[in-house]
Amino acid sequence: MPAIKQFNIRPLYQQVADEFITRIVSRQWAPGQIIENESDIARSLGISIGTVRKAFDVLAEYALLERQQGRGTIVADLSSESMQSRFSNILDETGEKAVLSTEVENAELQKARPEVSTALGLTDKSTVLRFERNRKFKGRLVLKETVFIPCDASRKSMPQDKLRSLAEGGWAANGLATRKSERITPALASADDAAALGISQGAPVLHLERVIHSYENVALELCYSVCNLGDDLSYGVES
């Protein structure tokens, strides 16, 4: 295992958390894997067990690790529907976060438009993966999304099924998401949106513009959404 880098002014537990995050993103620690004993990790890195526990607390706060009684510490599956819904504020009738199923289509590589480059912090003419994502609750389409994620131009030769797999992973392909910034605007459904959402043209909807950021504050995903909450969902406002 690699040693922690020296001469870093950040607290040691945060440096250790960075190392653990790298292992999760690279899948050295795979989804569902039971993490080795904390004392073994501390010994291999030459640090105290208290520092390891504080680093684990950081990852648990971001829902990257799950502590299960009788099993130990488990790596979360970043591609699961619950993880992909973690940045959604849509609530079910009980007030709990609604877990939405996801369908991806029309994935393609393209040059980023200026507003997309700005939102993602990219240079002009950067390549992005654009795709459409439909998110449903109990079979009903709730979110009609157009998504952009940074992508290496070398992937232009990638076949469609590979692009689709990349799109299905969303932000997880580029890093570890920990926060979002979002703008919400009330609107009226266009004819196309109404047809897709199964509502009348001119019915009230929400327009959402969301950027998901990494642990290092790098923009990982830009998403434009049209949202129809219907009668069984609500939108929670974060304090």
C-alpha atoms as a PDB file:
ATOM      1  CA  MET A   1       0.000   0.000   0.000  1.00  0.00           C
ATOM      2  CA  PRO A   2       1.295   3.499  -0.808  1.00  0.00           C
ATOM      3  CA  ALA A   3       2.571   5.672   1.980  1.00  0.00           C
ATOM      4  CA  ILE A   4       0.878   8.974   2.749  1.00  0.00           C
ATOM      5  CA  LYS A   5       2.579  11.901   1.010  1.00  0.00           C
ATOM      6  CA  GLN A   6       4.779  14.060   3.201  1.00  0.00           C
ATOM      7  CA  PHE A   7       4.899  17.868   3.490  1.00  0.00           C
ATOM      8  CA  ASN A   8       1.164  18.299   2.959  1.00  0.00           C
ATOM      9  CA  ILE A   9      -0.331  21.117   5.035  1.00  0.00           C
ATOM     10  CA  ARG A  10      -3.777  19.479   5.210  1.00  0.00           C
ATOM     11  CA  PRO A  11      -4.654  17.512   8.365  1.00  0.00           C
ATOM     12  CA  LEU A  12      -3.367  13.950   8.231  1.00  0.00           C
ATOM     13  CA  TYR A  13      -6.823  12.362   8.466  1.00  0.00           C
ATOM     14  CA  GLN A  14      -7.894  14.320   5.348  1.00  0.00           C
ATOM     15  CA  GLN A  15      -4.819  13.109   3.487  1.00  0.00           C
ATOM     16  CA  VAL A  16      -5.727   9.569   4.505  1.00  0.00           C
ATOM     17  CA  ALA A  17      -9.325  10.149   3.368  1.00  0.00           C
ATOM     18  CA  ASP A  18      -7.949  11.283  -0.022  1.00  0.00           C
ATOM     19  CA  GLU A  19      -5.992   8.031  -0.276  1.00  0.00           C
ATOM     20  CA  PHE A  20      -9.085   5.970   0.549  1.00  0.00           C
ATOM     21  CA  ILE A  21     -11.171   7.909  -1.990  1.00  0.00           C
ATOM     22  CA  THR A  22      -8.557   7.160  -4.649  1.00  0.00           C
ATOM     23  CA  ARG A  23      -8.904   3.461  -3.838  1.00  0.00           C
ATOM     24  CA  ILE A  24     -12.692   3.620  -4.228  1.00  0.00           C
ATOM     25  CA  VAL A  25     -12.623   5.560  -7.517  1.00  0.00           C
ATOM     26  CA  SER A  26      -9.960   3.227  -8.964  1.00  0.00           C
ATOM     27  CA  ARG A  27     -11.927   0.219  -7.653  1.00  0.00           C
ATOM     28  CA  GLN A  28      -8.967  -1.026  -5.685  1.00  0.00           C
ATOM     29  CA  TRP A  29     -11.724  -1.083  -3.093  1.00  0.00           C
ATOM     30  CA  ALA A  30     -14.613  -2.506  -5.114  1.00  0.00           C
ATOM     31  CA  PRO A  31     -18.354  -1.974  -4.461  1.00  0.00           C
ATOM     32  CA  GLY A  32     -19.549  -4.318  -1.732  1.00  0.00           C
ATOM     33  CA  GLN A  33     -16.025  -5.106  -0.554  1.00  0.00           C
ATOM     34  CA  ILE A  34     -15.484  -5.490   3.176  1.00  0.00           C
ATOM     35  CA  ILE A  35     -12.632  -3.193   4.198  1.00  0.00           C
ATOM     36  CA  GLU A  36      -9.741  -4.742   6.074  1.00  0.00           C
ATOM     37  CA  ASN A  37      -9.303  -4.243   9.794  1.00  0.00           C
ATOM     38  CA  GLU A  38      -8.684  -0.620  10.824  1.00  0.00           C
ATOM     39  CA  SER A  39      -5.621  -1.568  12.843  1.00  0.00           C
ATOM     40  CA  ASP A  40      -4.109  -3.352   9.817  1.00  0.00           C
ATOM     41  CA  ILE A  41      -4.638  -0.248   7.665  1.00  0.00           C
ATOM     42  CA  ALA A  42      -3.121   1.976  10.353  1.00  0.00           C
ATOM     43  CA  ARG A  43      -0.095  -0.291  10.622  1.00  0.00           C
ATOM     44  CA  SER A  44       0.434  -0.447   6.835  1.00  0.00           C
ATOM     45  CA  LEU A  45       0.320   3.363   6.546  1.00  0.00           C
ATOM     46  CA  GLY A  46       2.340   4.020   9.680  1.00  0.00           C
ATOM     47  CA  ILE A  47      -0.376   6.106  11.336  1.00  0.00           C
ATOM     48  CA  SER A  48      -2.624   5.825  14.385  1.00  0.00           C
ATOM     49  CA  ILE A  49      -5.885   3.899  14.358  1.00  0.00           C
ATOM     50  CA  GLY A  50      -7.612   7.114  15.464  1.00  0.00           C
ATOM     51  CA  THR A  51      -6.506   8.820  12.234  1.00  0.00           C
ATOM     52  CA  VAL A  52      -7.876   5.926  10.185  1.00  0.00           C
ATOM     53  CA  ARG A  53     -11.211   6.155  12.006  1.00  0.00           C
ATOM     54  CA  LYS A  54     -11.439   9.915  11.389  1.00  0.00           C
ATOM     55  CA  ALA A  55     -10.761   9.307   7.684  1.00  0.00           C
ATOM     56  CA  PHE A  56     -13.484   6.648   7.645  1.00  0.00           C
ATOM     57  CA  ASP A  57     -15.840   9.176   9.255  1.00  0.00           C
ATOM     58  CA  VAL A  58     -15.231  11.515   6.291  1.00  0.00           C
ATOM     59  CA  LEU A  59     -16.102   8.775   3.810  1.00  0.00           C
ATOM     60  CA  ALA A  60     -19.152   7.709   5.818  1.00  0.00           C
ATOM     61  CA  GLU A  61     -20.360  11.328   5.817  1.00  0.00           C
ATOM     62  CA  TYR A  62     -20.277  11.245   2.008  1.00  0.00           C
ATOM     63  CA  ALA A  63     -22.088   7.861   2.028  1.00  0.00           C
ATOM     64  CA  LEU A  64     -19.094   6.155   0.429  1.00  0.00           C
ATOM     65  CA  LEU A  65     -18.778   3.566   3.184  1.00  0.00           C
ATOM     66  CA  GLU A  66     -21.472   1.692   5.070  1.00  0.00           C
ATOM     67  CA  ARG A  67     -20.914   0.370   8.580  1.00  0.00           C
ATOM     68  CA  GLN A  68     -22.933  -2.808   9.001  1.00  0.00           C
ATOM     69  CA  GLN A  69     -23.199  -4.475  12.369  1.00  0.00           C
ATOM     70  CA  GLY A  70     -21.754  -7.968  12.282  1.00  0.00           C
ATOM     71  CA  ARG A  71     -20.102  -7.455   8.878  1.00  0.00           C
ATOM     72  CA  GLY A  72     -17.829  -4.448   9.247  1.00  0.00           C
ATOM     73  CA  THR A  73     -17.206  -1.515   6.909  1.00  0.00           C
ATOM     74  CA  ILE A  74     -18.512  -1.994   3.354  1.00  0.00           C
ATOM     75  CA  VAL A  75     -17.705   0.024   0.204  1.00  0.00           C
ATOM     76  CA  ALA A  76     -20.869   1.585  -1.247  1.00  0.00           C
ATOM     77  CA  ASP A  77     -21.854   0.914  -4.869  1.00  0.00           C
ATOM     78  CA  LEU A  78     -21.546   4.298  -6.619  1.00  0.00           C
ATOM     79  CA  SER A  79     -23.569   3.059  -9.612  1.00  0.00           C
ATOM     80  CA  SER A  80     -26.571   1.915  -7.562  1.00  0.00           C
ATOM     81  CA  GLU A  81     -29.911   3.686  -7.993  1.00  0.00           C
ATOM     82  CA  SER A  82     -29.800   4.955  -4.415  1.00  0.00           C
ATOM     83  CA  MET A  83     -26.346   6.506  -4.953  1.00  0.00           C
ATOM     84  CA  GLN A  84     -27.328   7.982  -8.310  1.00  0.00           C
ATOM     85  CA  SER A  85     -30.364   9.550  -6.586  1.00  0.00           C
ATOM     86  CA  ARG A  86     -28.386  10.975  -3.670  1.00  0.00           C
ATOM     87  CA  PHE A  87     -28.256  14.485  -5.195  1.00  0.00           C
ATOM     88  CA  SER A  88     -31.982  14.562  -5.888  1.00  0.00           C
ATOM     89  CA  ASN A  89     -34.256  16.476  -3.508  1.00  0.00           C
ATOM     90  CA  ILE A  90     -37.391  14.656  -4.638  1.00  0.00           C
ATOM     91  CA  LEU A  91     -39.282  13.211  -1.676  1.00  0.00           C
ATOM     92  CA  ASP A  92     -41.973  10.540  -1.515  1.00  0.00           C
ATOM     93  CA  GLU A  93     -45.207  10.757   0.465  1.00  0.00           C
ATOM     94  CA  THR A  94     -43.438   9.753   3.683  1.00  0.00           C
ATOM     95  CA  GLY A  95     -40.935  12.597   3.338  1.00  0.00           C
ATOM     96  CA  GLU A  96     -38.079  10.216   2.536  1.00  0.00           C
ATOM     97  CA  LYS A  97     -35.837  10.680  -0.497  1.00  0.00           C
ATOM     98  CA  ALA A  98     -37.469   8.939  -3.463  1.00  0.00           C
ATOM     99  CA  VAL A  99     -35.321   6.282  -5.143  1.00  0.00           C
ATOM    100  CA  LEU A 100     -35.735   6.769  -8.883  1.00  0.00           C
ATOM    101  CA  SER A 101     -35.043   4.189 -11.563  1.00  0.00           C
ATOM    102  CA  THR A 102     -32.863   5.392 -14.428  1.00  0.00           C
ATOM    103  CA  GLU A 103     -32.871   4.863 -18.187  1.00  0.00           C
ATOM    104  CA  VAL A 104     -30.169   6.319 -20.453  1.00  0.00           C
ATOM    105  CA  GLU A 105     -30.429   6.916 -24.200  1.00  0.00           C
ATOM    106  CA  ASN A 106     -28.891   8.855 -27.107  1.00  0.00           C
ATOM    107  CA  ALA A 107     -25.340   8.986 -25.737  1.00  0.00           C
ATOM    108  CA  GLU A 108     -22.923  10.846 -28.014  1.00  0.00           C
ATOM    109  CA  LEU A 109     -19.627  12.730 -27.857  1.00  0.00           C
ATOM    110  CA  GLN A 110     -19.697  16.356 -28.959  1.00  0.00           C
ATOM    111  CA  LYS A 111     -17.900  19.670 -28.591  1.00  0.00           C
ATOM    112  CA  ALA A 112     -19.174  21.486 -25.537  1.00  0.00           C
ATOM    113  CA  ARG A 113     -21.297  24.571 -26.103  1.00  0.00           C
ATOM    114  CA  PRO A 114     -19.977  27.725 -24.367  1.00  0.00           C
ATOM    115  CA  GLU A 115     -22.487  27.540 -21.516  1.00  0.00           C
ATOM    116  CA  VAL A 116     -21.650  23.874 -20.929  1.00  0.00           C
ATOM    117  CA  SER A 117     -17.911  24.599 -20.900  1.00  0.00           C
ATOM    118  CA  THR A 118     -18.446  27.418 -18.413  1.00  0.00           C
ATOM    119  CA  ALA A 119     -20.594  25.310 -16.079  1.00  0.00           C
ATOM    120  CA  LEU A 120     -18.102  22.424 -16.120  1.00  0.00           C
ATOM    121  CA  GLY A 121     -14.998  24.615 -15.930  1.00  0.00           C
ATOM    122  CA  LEU A 122     -13.698  23.354 -19.286  1.00  0.00           C
ATOM    123  CA  THR A 123     -11.674  25.078 -21.975  1.00  0.00           C
ATOM    124  CA  ASP A 124     -13.261  26.089 -25.283  1.00  0.00           C
ATOM    125  CA  LYS A 125     -13.997  23.227 -27.663  1.00  0.00           C
ATOM    126  CA  SER A 126     -13.590  20.594 -24.957  1.00  0.00           C
ATOM    127  CA  THR A 127     -15.255  17.252 -25.585  1.00  0.00           C
ATOM    128  CA  VAL A 128     -18.221  16.175 -23.488  1.00  0.00           C
ATOM    129  CA  LEU A 129     -20.437  13.124 -23.396  1.00  0.00           C
ATOM    130  CA  ARG A 130     -24.043  14.222 -23.892  1.00  0.00           C
ATOM    131  CA  PHE A 131     -26.932  11.885 -23.150  1.00  0.00           C
ATOM    132  CA  GLU A 132     -30.565  11.852 -22.131  1.00  0.00           C
ATOM    133  CA  ARG A 133     -31.616  10.318 -18.840  1.00  0.00           C
ATOM    134  CA  ASN A 134     -35.166   9.450 -17.848  1.00  0.00           C
ATOM    135  CA  ARG A 135     -35.837   8.954 -14.157  1.00  0.00           C
ATOM    136  CA  LYS A 136     -38.992   7.246 -12.986  1.00  0.00           C
ATOM    137  CA  PHE A 137     -40.832   6.709  -9.728  1.00  0.00           C
ATOM    138  CA  LYS A 138     -43.093   3.651  -9.623  1.00  0.00           C
ATOM    139  CA  GLY A 139     -43.009   3.537 -13.421  1.00  0.00           C
ATOM    140  CA  ARG A 140     -43.976   7.199 -13.899  1.00  0.00           C
ATOM    141  CA  LEU A 141     -41.532   9.566 -15.602  1.00  0.00           C
ATOM    142  CA  VAL A 142     -40.604  12.277 -13.107  1.00  0.00           C
ATOM    143  CA  LEU A 143     -37.405  13.761 -14.535  1.00  0.00           C
ATOM    144  CA  LYS A 144     -36.538  14.245 -18.194  1.00  0.00           C
ATOM    145  CA  GLU A 145     -32.840  15.105 -18.167  1.00  0.00           C
ATOM    146  CA  THR A 146     -30.170  16.228 -20.612  1.00  0.00           C
ATOM    147  CA  VAL A 147     -26.748  15.497 -19.135  1.00  0.00           C
ATOM    148  CA  PHE A 148     -23.182  16.525 -19.981  1.00  0.00           C
ATOM    149  CA  ILE A 149     -20.029  15.044 -18.456  1.00  0.00           C
ATOM    150  CA  PRO A 150     -16.394  15.829 -19.354  1.00  0.00           C
ATOM    151  CA  CYS A 151     -14.900  13.187 -21.615  1.00  0.00           C
ATOM    152  CA  ASP A 152     -11.565  12.567 -23.304  1.00  0.00           C
ATOM    153  CA  ALA A 153     -11.672  13.248 -27.052  1.00  0.00           C
ATOM    154  CA  SER A 154      -9.803   9.964 -27.618  1.00  0.00           C
ATOM    155  CA  ARG A 155     -13.025   8.141 -26.849  1.00  0.00           C
ATOM    156  CA  LYS A 156     -14.585   9.257 -30.147  1.00  0.00           C
ATOM    157  CA  SER A 157     -13.890   5.800 -31.561  1.00  0.00           C
ATOM    158  CA  MET A 158     -15.740   4.146 -28.689  1.00  0.00           C
ATOM    159  CA  PRO A 159     -18.721   2.030 -29.857  1.00  0.00           C
ATOM    160  CA  GLN A 160     -22.239   3.037 -28.884  1.00  0.00           C
ATOM    161  CA  ASP A 161     -22.668   0.334 -26.257  1.00  0.00           C
ATOM    162  CA  LYS A 162     -19.513   1.548 -24.485  1.00  0.00           C
ATOM    163  CA  LEU A 163     -20.703   5.161 -24.604  1.00  0.00           C
ATOM    164  CA  ARG A 164     -24.002   4.049 -23.117  1.00  0.00           C
ATOM    165  CA  SER A 165     -22.221   2.243 -20.289  1.00  0.00           C
ATOM    166  CA  LEU A 166     -20.173   5.377 -19.634  1.00  0.00           C
ATOM    167  CA  ALA A 167     -23.358   7.446 -19.555  1.00  0.00           C
ATOM    168  CA  GLU A 168     -25.045   5.022 -17.168  1.00  0.00           C
ATOM    169  CA  GLY A 169     -22.226   5.602 -14.704  1.00  0.00           C
ATOM    170  CA  GLY A 170     -22.725   9.374 -14.935  1.00  0.00           C
ATOM    171  CA  TRP A 171     -20.432  11.421 -12.709  1.00  0.00           C
ATOM    172  CA  ALA A 172     -18.857   8.281 -11.228  1.00  0.00           C
ATOM    173  CA  ALA A 173     -16.760   7.932 -14.397  1.00  0.00           C
ATOM    174  CA  ASN A 174     -14.800  11.097 -13.564  1.00  0.00           C
ATOM    175  CA  GLY A 175     -14.451  11.196  -9.816  1.00  0.00           C
ATOM    176  CA  LEU A 176     -16.146  11.043  -6.475  1.00  0.00           C
ATOM    177  CA  ALA A 177     -19.121  13.370  -6.146  1.00  0.00           C
ATOM    178  CA  THR A 178     -19.727  15.003  -2.790  1.00  0.00           C
ATOM    179  CA  ARG A 179     -21.895  18.074  -3.384  1.00  0.00           C
ATOM    180  CA  LYS A 180     -24.089  19.874  -5.889  1.00  0.00           C
ATOM    181  CA  SER A 181     -25.121  23.384  -6.866  1.00  0.00           C
ATOM    182  CA  GLU A 182     -28.620  23.736  -8.250  1.00  0.00           C
ATOM    183  CA  ARG A 183     -30.960  26.355  -9.674  1.00  0.00           C
ATOM    184  CA  ILE A 184     -34.726  25.738  -9.694  1.00  0.00           C
ATOM    185  CA  THR A 185     -37.177  27.649 -11.901  1.00  0.00           C
ATOM    186  CA  PRO A 186     -40.963  27.195 -12.189  1.00  0.00           C
ATOM    187  CA  ALA A 187     -42.079  26.786 -15.799  1.00  0.00           C
ATOM    188  CA  LEU A 188     -44.840  25.523 -18.072  1.00  0.00           C
ATOM    189  CA  ALA A 189     -44.504  22.272 -19.998  1.00  0.00           C
ATOM    190  CA  SER A 190     -43.674  22.555 -23.693  1.00  0.00           C
ATOM    191  CA  ALA A 191     -45.409  20.278 -26.177  1.00  0.00           C
ATOM    192  CA  ASP A 192     -42.413  17.900 -26.266  1.00  0.00           C
ATOM    193  CA  ASP A 193     -42.052  17.827 -22.489  1.00  0.00           C
ATOM    194  CA  ALA A 194     -45.785  17.300 -22.022  1.00  0.00           C
ATOM    195  CA  ALA A 195     -45.758  14.329 -24.399  1.00  0.00           C
ATOM    196  CA  ALA A 196     -42.789  12.744 -22.621  1.00  0.00           C
ATOM    197  CA  LEU A 197     -44.093  13.358 -19.099  1.00  0.00           C
ATOM    198  CA  GLY A 198     -47.694  12.392 -19.861  1.00  0.00           C
ATOM    199  CA  ILE A 199     -49.149  15.769 -18.870  1.00  0.00           C
ATOM    200  CA  SER A 200     -50.955  18.600 -20.634  1.00  0.00           C
ATOM    201  CA  GLN A 201     -49.038  21.246 -22.546  1.00  0.00           C
ATOM    202  CA  GLY A 202     -48.767  24.308 -20.302  1.00  0.00           C
ATOM    203  CA  ALA A 203     -49.001  22.272 -17.087  1.00  0.00           C
ATOM    204  CA  PRO A 204     -46.702  23.519 -14.298  1.00  0.00           C
ATOM    205  CA  VAL A 205     -43.272  21.879 -14.122  1.00  0.00           C
ATOM    206  CA  LEU A 206     -39.895  22.634 -12.587  1.00  0.00           C
ATOM    207  CA  HIS A 207     -36.770  23.376 -14.597  1.00  0.00           C
ATOM    208  CA  LEU A 208     -33.623  22.280 -12.749  1.00  0.00           C
ATOM    209  CA  GLU A 209     -30.019  23.131 -13.600  1.00  0.00           C
ATOM    210  CA  ARG A 210     -27.583  21.156 -11.474  1.00  0.00           C
ATOM    211  CA  VAL A 211     -23.801  20.819 -11.367  1.00  0.00           C
ATOM    212  CA  ILE A 212     -22.316  17.967  -9.351  1.00  0.00           C
ATOM    213  CA  HIS A 213     -18.878  18.581  -7.858  1.00  0.00           C
ATOM    214  CA  SER A 214     -16.159  16.239  -6.684  1.00  0.00           C
ATOM    215  CA  TYR A 215     -14.392  15.980  -3.347  1.00  0.00           C
ATOM    216  CA  GLU A 216     -11.702  18.228  -4.904  1.00  0.00           C
ATOM    217  CA  ASN A 217     -14.399  20.733  -6.049  1.00  0.00           C
ATOM    218  CA  VAL A 218     -14.096  19.736  -9.728  1.00  0.00           C
ATOM    219  CA  ALA A 219     -17.303  19.833 -11.799  1.00  0.00           C
ATOM    220  CA  LEU A 220     -18.213  16.263 -12.782  1.00  0.00           C
ATOM    221  CA  GLU A 221     -21.655  16.574 -14.342  1.00  0.00           C
ATOM    222  CA  LEU A 222     -24.041  19.222 -15.691  1.00  0.00           C
ATOM    223  CA  CYS A 223     -27.700  18.283 -15.855  1.00  0.00           C
ATOM    224  CA  TYR A 224     -30.709  20.170 -17.233  1.00  0.00           C
ATOM    225  CA  SER A 225     -33.991  18.630 -16.050  1.00  0.00           C
ATOM    226  CA  VAL A 226     -37.702  19.051 -16.558  1.00  0.00           C
ATOM    227  CA  CYS A 227     -39.504  17.756 -13.468  1.00  0.00           C
ATOM    228  CA  ASN A 228     -43.129  16.725 -12.991  1.00  0.00           C
ATOM    229  CA  LEU A 229     -43.748  15.893  -9.336  1.00  0.00           C
ATOM    230  CA  GLY A 230     -47.367  14.829  -9.791  1.00  0.00           C
ATOM    231  CA  ASP A 231     -49.545  14.250  -6.725  1.00  0.00           C
ATOM    232  CA  ASP A 232     -47.321  11.790  -4.860  1.00  0.00           C
ATOM    233  CA  LEU A 233     -43.970  13.594  -4.737  1.00  0.00           C
ATOM    234  CA  SER A 234     -42.584  16.851  -3.370  1.00  0.00           C
ATOM    235  CA  TYR A 235     -39.354  18.797  -3.700  1.00  0.00           C
ATOM    236  CA  GLY A 236     -37.375  19.282  -0.509  1.00  0.00           C
ATOM    237  CA  VAL A 237     -35.484  22.521   0.042  1.00  0.00           C
ATOM    238  CA  GLU A 238     -32.129  22.163   1.766  1.00  0.00           C
ATOM    239  CA  SER A 239     -31.482  24.433   4.731  1.00  0.00           C
END
